[in-house]
Amino acid sequence: MEWEVVLMAEILQKLIPWRRKREIPVRREETEEALGAWSLNLYRDLQNLFDSLWEAPFSLGSAFRPLREFSFPKVDLEERDDAYLLRAEIPGVTEKEIDVSVSHDAVVIRGEKESRKETNRAGFHYSESYSGRFERRIPLPREVDADKATAEYSRGVLTVTLPKTERSKARRIPLLQS
């Protein structure tokens, strides 16, 4: 039985695309008691596989990671003590062409970038500029207060400030002196 588990882990390691490692918070004492020490590596391996599948939907994970380069808009999500700061690069559109919606666990950015019709002129070989409808859903690591969220658009960059709920803010715990 034990050698079958080791063999299965080796087979899974060969199937999983290794591009980057992630630290996954795991309560070791609970997991080790229930499944044994070998399951931690297997859990991380499977988590990496599933994460890579979501990075490039409808693909085989990181084997098609270059497709991610075509996702639009490009976003950065920064965590601060009291809020998340999301920046999205959306050049070539106006404020009226962007729709931002926020729920407690995700931000959705929708819009439409008008296509340029000048690709038929002489000397124009190809166009890499994005045009058309776009939608991007960005999951948030923790709950936010959607009613207090704000958004600004300036110079092609959308900035969304997402205040954390009181429940999701980190708290400092003072040490008691003995």
N, C-alpha and C. Protein backbone atom coordinates (compact mmCIF):
# COMPACT_ATOMS: atom_id res chain seq x y z
N MET A 1 0.82 -1.19 0.00
CA MET A 1 0.00 0.00 0.00
C MET A 1 0.87 1.26 0.00
N GLU A 2 1.91 1.26 0.85
CA GLU A 2 2.76 2.43 0.96
C GLU A 2 3.54 2.68 -0.33
N TRP A 3 4.03 1.64 -0.98
CA TRP A 3 4.77 1.82 -2.23
C TRP A 3 3.85 2.32 -3.33
N GLU A 4 2.55 1.96 -3.28
CA GLU A 4 1.59 2.46 -4.27
C GLU A 4 1.42 3.97 -4.15
N VAL A 5 1.40 4.45 -2.92
CA VAL A 5 1.26 5.89 -2.68
C VAL A 5 2.49 6.62 -3.21
N VAL A 6 3.67 6.09 -2.95
CA VAL A 6 4.91 6.70 -3.44
C VAL A 6 4.93 6.70 -4.96
N LEU A 7 4.53 5.61 -5.57
CA LEU A 7 4.49 5.52 -7.02
C LEU A 7 3.50 6.52 -7.59
N MET A 8 2.34 6.64 -6.96
CA MET A 8 1.33 7.60 -7.42
C MET A 8 1.86 9.02 -7.33
N ALA A 9 2.55 9.36 -6.25
CA ALA A 9 3.12 10.69 -6.08
C ALA A 9 4.16 10.97 -7.16
N GLU A 10 5.01 9.99 -7.48
CA GLU A 10 6.02 10.17 -8.53
C GLU A 10 5.37 10.38 -9.89
N ILE A 11 4.32 9.65 -10.17
CA ILE A 11 3.61 9.82 -11.45
C ILE A 11 2.98 11.20 -11.53
N LEU A 12 2.34 11.64 -10.45
CA LEU A 12 1.72 12.97 -10.45
C LEU A 12 2.76 14.06 -10.62
N GLN A 13 3.94 13.91 -10.00
CA GLN A 13 4.98 14.91 -10.14
C GLN A 13 5.43 15.05 -11.59
N LYS A 14 5.45 13.96 -12.32
CA LYS A 14 5.84 14.02 -13.73
C LYS A 14 4.76 14.68 -14.59
N LEU A 15 3.51 14.61 -14.16
CA LEU A 15 2.41 15.19 -14.92
C LEU A 15 2.21 16.68 -14.64
N ILE A 16 2.63 17.12 -13.49
CA ILE A 16 2.36 18.49 -13.09
C ILE A 16 3.43 19.41 -13.67
N PRO A 17 3.00 20.48 -14.38
CA PRO A 17 3.97 21.44 -14.94
C PRO A 17 4.56 22.30 -13.83
N TRP A 18 5.88 22.25 -13.70
CA TRP A 18 6.56 23.01 -12.66
C TRP A 18 7.12 24.29 -13.24
N ARG A 19 6.50 25.41 -12.96
CA ARG A 19 7.03 26.69 -13.42
C ARG A 19 7.37 27.59 -12.26
N ARG A 20 6.56 27.56 -11.21
CA ARG A 20 6.86 28.35 -10.03
C ARG A 20 6.25 27.67 -8.82
N LYS A 21 6.84 27.91 -7.70
CA LYS A 21 6.35 27.29 -6.47
C LYS A 21 5.58 28.34 -5.68
N ARG A 22 4.57 27.89 -4.98
CA ARG A 22 3.77 28.76 -4.13
C ARG A 22 3.74 28.18 -2.73
N GLU A 23 3.75 29.05 -1.78
CA GLU A 23 3.58 28.62 -0.41
C GLU A 23 2.09 28.58 -0.12
N ILE A 24 1.61 27.46 0.33
CA ILE A 24 0.20 27.30 0.64
C ILE A 24 0.08 27.09 2.14
N PRO A 25 -0.70 27.97 2.80
CA PRO A 25 -0.83 27.79 4.24
C PRO A 25 -1.58 26.51 4.57
N VAL A 26 -0.95 25.66 5.34
CA VAL A 26 -1.55 24.38 5.73
C VAL A 26 -1.30 24.20 7.22
N ARG A 27 -2.32 23.81 7.93
CA ARG A 27 -2.13 23.46 9.34
C ARG A 27 -1.52 22.08 9.38
N ARG A 28 -0.25 22.03 9.59
CA ARG A 28 0.47 20.77 9.50
C ARG A 28 -0.01 19.73 10.49
N GLU A 29 -0.27 20.13 11.71
CA GLU A 29 -0.64 19.12 12.71
C GLU A 29 -1.93 18.40 12.34
N GLU A 30 -2.92 19.12 11.82
CA GLU A 30 -4.17 18.46 11.44
C GLU A 30 -3.99 17.58 10.21
N THR A 31 -3.27 18.10 9.21
CA THR A 31 -3.10 17.36 7.97
C THR A 31 -2.25 16.11 8.18
N GLU A 32 -1.17 16.25 8.92
CA GLU A 32 -0.29 15.10 9.13
C GLU A 32 -0.98 14.00 9.92
N GLU A 33 -1.78 14.37 10.89
CA GLU A 33 -2.49 13.35 11.66
C GLU A 33 -3.46 12.58 10.78
N ALA A 34 -4.15 13.29 9.91
CA ALA A 34 -5.20 12.66 9.12
C ALA A 34 -4.65 11.83 7.97
N LEU A 35 -3.66 12.35 7.26
CA LEU A 35 -3.25 11.71 6.02
C LEU A 35 -1.79 11.29 5.97
N GLY A 36 -1.00 11.73 6.89
CA GLY A 36 0.41 11.36 6.87
C GLY A 36 1.25 12.46 6.23
N ALA A 37 2.55 12.42 6.47
CA ALA A 37 3.47 13.46 6.01
C ALA A 37 3.54 13.55 4.49
N TRP A 38 3.42 12.44 3.77
CA TRP A 38 3.54 12.46 2.31
C TRP A 38 2.44 13.28 1.67
N SER A 39 1.30 13.43 2.33
CA SER A 39 0.16 14.12 1.72
C SER A 39 0.40 15.61 1.57
N LEU A 40 1.29 16.20 2.39
CA LEU A 40 1.55 17.63 2.25
C LEU A 40 2.13 17.95 0.88
N ASN A 41 3.11 17.17 0.44
CA ASN A 41 3.69 17.40 -0.88
C ASN A 41 2.66 17.15 -1.97
N LEU A 42 1.90 16.10 -1.84
CA LEU A 42 0.87 15.80 -2.82
C LEU A 42 -0.17 16.91 -2.87
N TYR A 43 -0.55 17.42 -1.71
CA TYR A 43 -1.51 18.52 -1.65
C TYR A 43 -0.97 19.75 -2.38
N ARG A 44 0.29 20.11 -2.10
CA ARG A 44 0.89 21.27 -2.77
C ARG A 44 0.97 21.04 -4.28
N ASP A 45 1.36 19.85 -4.68
CA ASP A 45 1.46 19.54 -6.10
C ASP A 45 0.11 19.69 -6.79
N LEU A 46 -0.91 19.13 -6.20
CA LEU A 46 -2.25 19.24 -6.80
C LEU A 46 -2.74 20.68 -6.79
N GLN A 47 -2.46 21.42 -5.72
CA GLN A 47 -2.86 22.82 -5.66
C GLN A 47 -2.19 23.62 -6.77
N ASN A 48 -0.90 23.39 -7.00
CA ASN A 48 -0.19 24.07 -8.09
C ASN A 48 -0.81 23.74 -9.44
N LEU A 49 -1.19 22.47 -9.64
CA LEU A 49 -1.82 22.08 -10.89
C LEU A 49 -3.13 22.82 -11.09
N PHE A 50 -3.98 22.84 -10.07
CA PHE A 50 -5.26 23.53 -10.21
C PHE A 50 -5.08 25.03 -10.38
N ASP A 51 -4.12 25.63 -9.68
CA ASP A 51 -3.85 27.06 -9.86
C ASP A 51 -3.45 27.36 -11.30
N SER A 52 -2.60 26.52 -11.88
CA SER A 52 -2.15 26.77 -13.25
C SER A 52 -3.29 26.60 -14.24
N LEU A 53 -4.24 25.73 -13.94
CA LEU A 53 -5.40 25.57 -14.83
C LEU A 53 -6.24 26.84 -14.85
N TRP A 54 -6.38 27.51 -13.72
CA TRP A 54 -7.20 28.73 -13.67
C TRP A 54 -6.49 29.92 -14.27
N GLU A 55 -5.17 29.88 -14.34
CA GLU A 55 -4.43 31.00 -14.92
C GLU A 55 -4.69 31.12 -16.41
N ALA A 56 -4.90 30.04 -17.09
CA ALA A 56 -5.19 30.05 -18.52
C ALA A 56 -6.42 29.16 -18.74
N PRO A 57 -7.63 29.72 -18.58
CA PRO A 57 -8.83 28.90 -18.66
C PRO A 57 -8.92 28.12 -19.97
N PHE A 58 -9.52 26.96 -19.89
CA PHE A 58 -9.75 26.08 -21.03
C PHE A 58 -8.45 25.61 -21.68
N SER A 59 -7.41 25.57 -20.91
CA SER A 59 -6.13 25.11 -21.44
C SER A 59 -5.63 23.96 -20.58
N LEU A 60 -4.42 23.58 -20.80
CA LEU A 60 -3.82 22.52 -20.00
C LEU A 60 -2.88 23.11 -18.96
N GLY A 61 -3.25 24.25 -18.42
CA GLY A 61 -2.46 24.87 -17.37
C GLY A 61 -1.27 25.61 -17.92
N SER A 62 -0.14 25.51 -17.22
CA SER A 62 1.00 26.32 -17.58
C SER A 62 1.64 25.90 -18.90
N ALA A 63 1.20 24.81 -19.48
CA ALA A 63 1.68 24.47 -20.82
C ALA A 63 1.26 25.56 -21.81
N PHE A 64 0.16 26.25 -21.49
CA PHE A 64 -0.34 27.32 -22.35
C PHE A 64 -0.26 28.67 -21.65
N ARG A 65 0.67 28.82 -20.74
CA ARG A 65 0.82 30.07 -20.00
C ARG A 65 1.02 31.28 -20.92
N PRO A 66 1.65 31.16 -22.09
CA PRO A 66 1.78 32.33 -22.96
C PRO A 66 0.44 32.95 -23.34
N LEU A 67 -0.65 32.18 -23.34
CA LEU A 67 -1.96 32.75 -23.64
C LEU A 67 -2.36 33.80 -22.63
N ARG A 68 -1.85 33.70 -21.42
CA ARG A 68 -2.17 34.67 -20.38
C ARG A 68 -1.74 36.07 -20.79
N GLU A 69 -0.73 36.18 -21.63
CA GLU A 69 -0.25 37.48 -22.07
C GLU A 69 -1.32 38.25 -22.83
N PHE A 70 -2.32 37.54 -23.35
CA PHE A 70 -3.36 38.21 -24.11
C PHE A 70 -4.55 38.62 -23.26
N SER A 71 -4.51 38.37 -21.95
CA SER A 71 -5.62 38.78 -21.10
C SER A 71 -5.64 40.30 -21.01
N PHE A 72 -6.82 40.85 -21.01
CA PHE A 72 -6.98 42.30 -21.01
C PHE A 72 -8.12 42.64 -20.09
N PRO A 73 -7.99 43.60 -19.26
CA PRO A 73 -6.81 44.43 -19.00
C PRO A 73 -5.82 43.76 -18.05
N LYS A 74 -4.59 44.23 -18.10
CA LYS A 74 -3.56 43.77 -17.16
C LYS A 74 -3.85 44.42 -15.81
N VAL A 75 -3.73 43.64 -14.73
CA VAL A 75 -4.04 44.17 -13.41
C VAL A 75 -2.93 43.88 -12.40
N ASP A 76 -2.84 44.75 -11.41
CA ASP A 76 -2.00 44.55 -10.22
C ASP A 76 -2.93 44.68 -9.02
N LEU A 77 -2.78 43.80 -8.05
CA LEU A 77 -3.57 43.86 -6.83
C LEU A 77 -2.61 43.94 -5.65
N GLU A 78 -2.67 45.04 -4.91
CA GLU A 78 -1.76 45.28 -3.79
C GLU A 78 -2.56 45.29 -2.49
N GLU A 79 -2.05 44.59 -1.49
CA GLU A 79 -2.72 44.58 -0.19
C GLU A 79 -2.05 45.57 0.74
N ARG A 80 -2.88 46.40 1.37
CA ARG A 80 -2.41 47.33 2.39
C ARG A 80 -3.09 46.97 3.70
N ASP A 81 -2.74 47.66 4.77
CA ASP A 81 -3.30 47.32 6.08
C ASP A 81 -4.82 47.38 6.10
N ASP A 82 -5.40 48.43 5.50
CA ASP A 82 -6.83 48.63 5.61
C ASP A 82 -7.60 48.45 4.30
N ALA A 83 -6.90 48.20 3.19
CA ALA A 83 -7.59 48.11 1.90
C ALA A 83 -6.74 47.36 0.88
N TYR A 84 -7.39 46.97 -0.21
CA TYR A 84 -6.70 46.46 -1.38
C TYR A 84 -6.70 47.56 -2.42
N LEU A 85 -5.62 47.66 -3.17
CA LEU A 85 -5.50 48.64 -4.24
C LEU A 85 -5.33 47.88 -5.54
N LEU A 86 -6.31 48.03 -6.44
CA LEU A 86 -6.27 47.33 -7.72
C LEU A 86 -6.00 48.36 -8.82
N ARG A 87 -5.01 48.09 -9.64
CA ARG A 87 -4.70 48.95 -10.79
C ARG A 87 -4.85 48.12 -12.05
N ALA A 88 -5.58 48.68 -13.02
CA ALA A 88 -5.78 47.99 -14.30
C ALA A 88 -5.36 48.92 -15.43
N GLU A 89 -4.54 48.40 -16.34
CA GLU A 89 -4.10 49.18 -17.50
C GLU A 89 -5.16 49.05 -18.59
N ILE A 90 -5.85 50.16 -18.88
CA ILE A 90 -6.89 50.14 -19.91
C ILE A 90 -6.69 51.37 -20.80
N PRO A 91 -5.63 51.41 -21.58
CA PRO A 91 -5.40 52.58 -22.43
C PRO A 91 -6.36 52.62 -23.61
N GLY A 92 -6.62 53.83 -24.08
CA GLY A 92 -7.42 53.99 -25.29
C GLY A 92 -8.92 53.95 -25.10
N VAL A 93 -9.40 54.05 -23.87
CA VAL A 93 -10.84 54.10 -23.61
C VAL A 93 -11.14 55.33 -22.75
N THR A 94 -12.42 55.69 -22.70
CA THR A 94 -12.84 56.79 -21.84
C THR A 94 -13.52 56.21 -20.60
N GLU A 95 -13.73 57.06 -19.60
CA GLU A 95 -14.40 56.63 -18.36
C GLU A 95 -15.77 56.03 -18.66
N LYS A 96 -16.45 56.58 -19.64
CA LYS A 96 -17.81 56.13 -19.96
C LYS A 96 -17.83 54.72 -20.56
N GLU A 97 -16.70 54.26 -21.06
CA GLU A 97 -16.63 52.93 -21.68
C GLU A 97 -16.22 51.84 -20.69
N ILE A 98 -16.03 52.21 -19.42
CA ILE A 98 -15.60 51.26 -18.40
C ILE A 98 -16.70 51.08 -17.36
N ASP A 99 -16.96 49.82 -16.99
CA ASP A 99 -17.92 49.51 -15.94
C ASP A 99 -17.20 48.67 -14.89
N VAL A 100 -17.26 49.12 -13.64
CA VAL A 100 -16.62 48.40 -12.54
C VAL A 100 -17.69 47.98 -11.55
N SER A 101 -17.72 46.70 -11.21
CA SER A 101 -18.63 46.23 -10.17
C SER A 101 -17.82 45.48 -9.12
N VAL A 102 -18.25 45.64 -7.87
CA VAL A 102 -17.53 45.06 -6.74
C VAL A 102 -18.51 44.28 -5.89
N SER A 103 -18.13 43.06 -5.55
CA SER A 103 -18.87 42.29 -4.55
C SER A 103 -17.94 42.10 -3.37
N HIS A 104 -18.35 41.36 -2.39
CA HIS A 104 -17.50 41.18 -1.21
C HIS A 104 -16.23 40.38 -1.50
N ASP A 105 -16.21 39.60 -2.60
CA ASP A 105 -15.05 38.74 -2.85
C ASP A 105 -14.44 38.86 -4.24
N ALA A 106 -14.92 39.80 -5.07
CA ALA A 106 -14.37 39.92 -6.43
C ALA A 106 -14.66 41.30 -7.02
N VAL A 107 -13.83 41.67 -7.99
CA VAL A 107 -14.03 42.89 -8.77
C VAL A 107 -14.19 42.45 -10.21
N VAL A 108 -15.18 43.03 -10.90
CA VAL A 108 -15.38 42.74 -12.32
C VAL A 108 -15.23 44.04 -13.09
N ILE A 109 -14.34 44.02 -14.09
CA ILE A 109 -14.11 45.19 -14.95
C ILE A 109 -14.61 44.82 -16.34
N ARG A 110 -15.53 45.62 -16.87
CA ARG A 110 -16.08 45.38 -18.20
C ARG A 110 -15.93 46.66 -19.03
N GLY A 111 -15.91 46.49 -20.32
CA GLY A 111 -15.88 47.65 -21.19
C GLY A 111 -15.77 47.26 -22.64
N GLU A 112 -15.58 48.27 -23.44
CA GLU A 112 -15.39 48.04 -24.86
C GLU A 112 -14.40 49.06 -25.38
N LYS A 113 -13.42 48.56 -26.09
CA LYS A 113 -12.42 49.42 -26.71
C LYS A 113 -12.70 49.41 -28.20
N GLU A 114 -12.96 50.58 -28.73
CA GLU A 114 -13.30 50.69 -30.15
C GLU A 114 -12.14 50.24 -31.02
N SER A 115 -12.47 49.52 -32.07
CA SER A 115 -11.43 49.08 -33.00
C SER A 115 -11.08 50.20 -33.95
N ARG A 116 -9.83 50.21 -34.34
CA ARG A 116 -9.40 51.21 -35.32
C ARG A 116 -9.59 50.62 -36.70
N LYS A 117 -10.10 51.39 -37.61
CA LYS A 117 -10.39 50.92 -38.96
C LYS A 117 -9.27 51.24 -39.95
N GLU A 118 -8.12 51.65 -39.44
CA GLU A 118 -7.05 52.10 -40.32
C GLU A 118 -6.10 51.01 -40.77
N THR A 119 -6.41 49.76 -40.53
CA THR A 119 -5.48 48.68 -40.87
C THR A 119 -5.41 48.40 -42.38
N ASN A 120 -6.25 49.00 -43.16
CA ASN A 120 -6.24 48.76 -44.61
C ASN A 120 -5.38 49.76 -45.37
N ARG A 121 -4.83 50.73 -44.68
CA ARG A 121 -4.06 51.75 -45.40
C ARG A 121 -2.72 51.17 -45.88
N ALA A 122 -2.13 51.79 -46.85
CA ALA A 122 -0.87 51.33 -47.43
C ALA A 122 0.23 51.34 -46.39
N GLY A 123 1.03 50.29 -46.39
CA GLY A 123 2.15 50.20 -45.47
C GLY A 123 1.81 49.63 -44.10
N PHE A 124 0.54 49.37 -43.85
CA PHE A 124 0.12 48.82 -42.56
C PHE A 124 0.18 47.31 -42.65
N HIS A 125 1.05 46.66 -41.90
CA HIS A 125 1.26 45.23 -42.01
C HIS A 125 0.41 44.42 -41.04
N TYR A 126 0.38 44.81 -39.78
CA TYR A 126 -0.43 44.09 -38.81
C TYR A 126 -0.71 44.98 -37.61
N SER A 127 -1.67 44.55 -36.79
CA SER A 127 -2.05 45.31 -35.60
C SER A 127 -2.08 44.38 -34.39
N GLU A 128 -1.40 44.77 -33.33
CA GLU A 128 -1.43 44.02 -32.09
C GLU A 128 -2.27 44.72 -31.03
N SER A 129 -2.86 45.83 -31.39
CA SER A 129 -3.69 46.57 -30.45
C SER A 129 -4.98 45.82 -30.19
N TYR A 130 -5.38 45.78 -28.92
CA TYR A 130 -6.61 45.09 -28.55
C TYR A 130 -7.80 45.99 -28.85
N SER A 131 -8.85 45.42 -29.41
CA SER A 131 -10.10 46.16 -29.59
C SER A 131 -11.25 45.19 -29.40
N GLY A 132 -12.38 45.73 -29.00
CA GLY A 132 -13.57 44.92 -28.78
C GLY A 132 -13.98 44.92 -27.32
N ARG A 133 -14.93 44.07 -26.99
CA ARG A 133 -15.43 43.97 -25.61
C ARG A 133 -14.41 43.23 -24.75
N PHE A 134 -14.37 43.62 -23.50
CA PHE A 134 -13.52 42.92 -22.55
C PHE A 134 -14.24 42.80 -21.22
N GLU A 135 -13.86 41.77 -20.48
CA GLU A 135 -14.36 41.56 -19.13
C GLU A 135 -13.31 40.79 -18.35
N ARG A 136 -13.04 41.25 -17.16
CA ARG A 136 -12.03 40.60 -16.33
C ARG A 136 -12.58 40.52 -14.91
N ARG A 137 -12.60 39.32 -14.34
CA ARG A 137 -13.03 39.11 -12.95
C ARG A 137 -11.79 38.83 -12.13
N ILE A 138 -11.58 39.64 -11.09
CA ILE A 138 -10.42 39.50 -10.24
C ILE A 138 -10.89 39.06 -8.85
N PRO A 139 -10.62 37.81 -8.46
CA PRO A 139 -11.01 37.37 -7.12
C PRO A 139 -10.15 38.06 -6.07
N LEU A 140 -10.77 38.37 -4.94
CA LEU A 140 -10.06 39.04 -3.85
C LEU A 140 -9.69 38.03 -2.77
N PRO A 141 -8.51 38.18 -2.16
CA PRO A 141 -8.08 37.22 -1.15
C PRO A 141 -8.93 37.23 0.11
N ARG A 142 -9.53 38.38 0.43
CA ARG A 142 -10.36 38.51 1.63
C ARG A 142 -11.57 39.37 1.32
N GLU A 143 -12.50 39.39 2.24
CA GLU A 143 -13.74 40.14 2.06
C GLU A 143 -13.46 41.65 2.11
N VAL A 144 -14.18 42.41 1.26
CA VAL A 144 -14.06 43.86 1.24
C VAL A 144 -15.43 44.49 1.46
N ASP A 145 -15.41 45.78 1.81
CA ASP A 145 -16.64 46.54 1.99
C ASP A 145 -16.99 47.17 0.65
N ALA A 146 -17.84 46.52 -0.12
CA ALA A 146 -18.17 46.97 -1.48
C ALA A 146 -18.81 48.35 -1.48
N ASP A 147 -19.55 48.71 -0.43
CA ASP A 147 -20.23 50.01 -0.38
C ASP A 147 -19.25 51.17 -0.26
N LYS A 148 -18.05 50.92 0.23
CA LYS A 148 -17.06 51.99 0.41
C LYS A 148 -15.98 51.98 -0.67
N ALA A 149 -16.10 51.13 -1.66
CA ALA A 149 -15.10 51.06 -2.74
C ALA A 149 -15.18 52.31 -3.60
N THR A 150 -14.02 52.74 -4.10
CA THR A 150 -13.95 53.89 -5.00
C THR A 150 -13.12 53.53 -6.23
N ALA A 151 -13.38 54.24 -7.33
CA ALA A 151 -12.62 53.98 -8.57
C ALA A 151 -12.28 55.30 -9.24
N GLU A 152 -11.07 55.37 -9.78
CA GLU A 152 -10.62 56.54 -10.54
C GLU A 152 -9.98 56.05 -11.84
N TYR A 153 -10.12 56.85 -12.90
CA TYR A 153 -9.49 56.51 -14.17
C TYR A 153 -8.70 57.71 -14.64
N SER A 154 -7.39 57.53 -14.83
CA SER A 154 -6.54 58.63 -15.26
C SER A 154 -5.39 58.09 -16.09
N ARG A 155 -5.17 58.70 -17.24
CA ARG A 155 -4.05 58.36 -18.12
C ARG A 155 -3.97 56.88 -18.45
N GLY A 156 -5.13 56.27 -18.70
CA GLY A 156 -5.15 54.87 -19.12
C GLY A 156 -5.06 53.86 -18.00
N VAL A 157 -5.07 54.32 -16.74
CA VAL A 157 -4.98 53.41 -15.60
C VAL A 157 -6.21 53.57 -14.71
N LEU A 158 -6.90 52.47 -14.49
CA LEU A 158 -8.03 52.43 -13.57
C LEU A 158 -7.49 52.02 -12.20
N THR A 159 -7.82 52.80 -11.17
CA THR A 159 -7.41 52.50 -9.81
C THR A 159 -8.65 52.31 -8.96
N VAL A 160 -8.78 51.12 -8.37
CA VAL A 160 -9.93 50.81 -7.52
C VAL A 160 -9.41 50.58 -6.11
N THR A 161 -9.96 51.33 -5.16
CA THR A 161 -9.61 51.17 -3.75
C THR A 161 -10.73 50.39 -3.07
N LEU A 162 -10.36 49.27 -2.46
CA LEU A 162 -11.33 48.34 -1.87
C LEU A 162 -11.06 48.20 -0.38
N PRO A 163 -11.77 48.97 0.46
CA PRO A 163 -11.54 48.87 1.91
C PRO A 163 -11.88 47.48 2.43
N LYS A 164 -11.06 46.99 3.33
CA LYS A 164 -11.32 45.69 3.95
C LYS A 164 -12.45 45.84 4.97
N THR A 165 -13.17 44.78 5.20
CA THR A 165 -14.15 44.78 6.28
C THR A 165 -13.40 44.68 7.60
N GLU A 166 -14.04 45.08 8.67
CA GLU A 166 -13.41 44.99 9.98
C GLU A 166 -12.98 43.55 10.28
N ARG A 167 -13.79 42.61 9.84
CA ARG A 167 -13.52 41.21 10.10
C ARG A 167 -12.26 40.72 9.37
N SER A 168 -11.96 41.30 8.20
CA SER A 168 -10.82 40.79 7.42
C SER A 168 -9.53 41.58 7.63
N LYS A 169 -9.58 42.66 8.42
CA LYS A 169 -8.36 43.42 8.69
C LYS A 169 -7.46 42.66 9.65
N ALA A 170 -6.17 42.79 9.44
CA ALA A 170 -5.21 42.17 10.36
C ALA A 170 -5.23 42.95 11.67
N ARG A 171 -5.10 42.24 12.74
CA ARG A 171 -5.10 42.86 14.06
C ARG A 171 -3.77 42.59 14.76
N ARG A 172 -3.27 43.59 15.43
CA ARG A 172 -2.06 43.42 16.23
C ARG A 172 -2.49 42.99 17.62
N ILE A 173 -1.80 42.01 18.15
CA ILE A 173 -2.11 41.50 19.48
C ILE A 173 -0.95 41.84 20.39
N PRO A 174 -1.20 42.65 21.43
CA PRO A 174 -0.10 43.00 22.34
C PRO A 174 0.33 41.80 23.17
N LEU A 175 1.62 41.73 23.43
CA LEU A 175 2.16 40.66 24.26
C LEU A 175 2.02 41.04 25.73
N LEU A 176 1.57 40.12 26.51
CA LEU A 176 1.45 40.35 27.95
C LEU A 176 2.79 40.08 28.61
N GLN A 177 3.16 40.95 29.51
CA GLN A 177 4.42 40.74 30.23
C GLN A 177 4.17 39.88 31.44
N SER A 178 5.07 38.97 31.67
CA SER A 178 4.87 38.08 32.82
C SER A 178 5.71 38.49 34.00
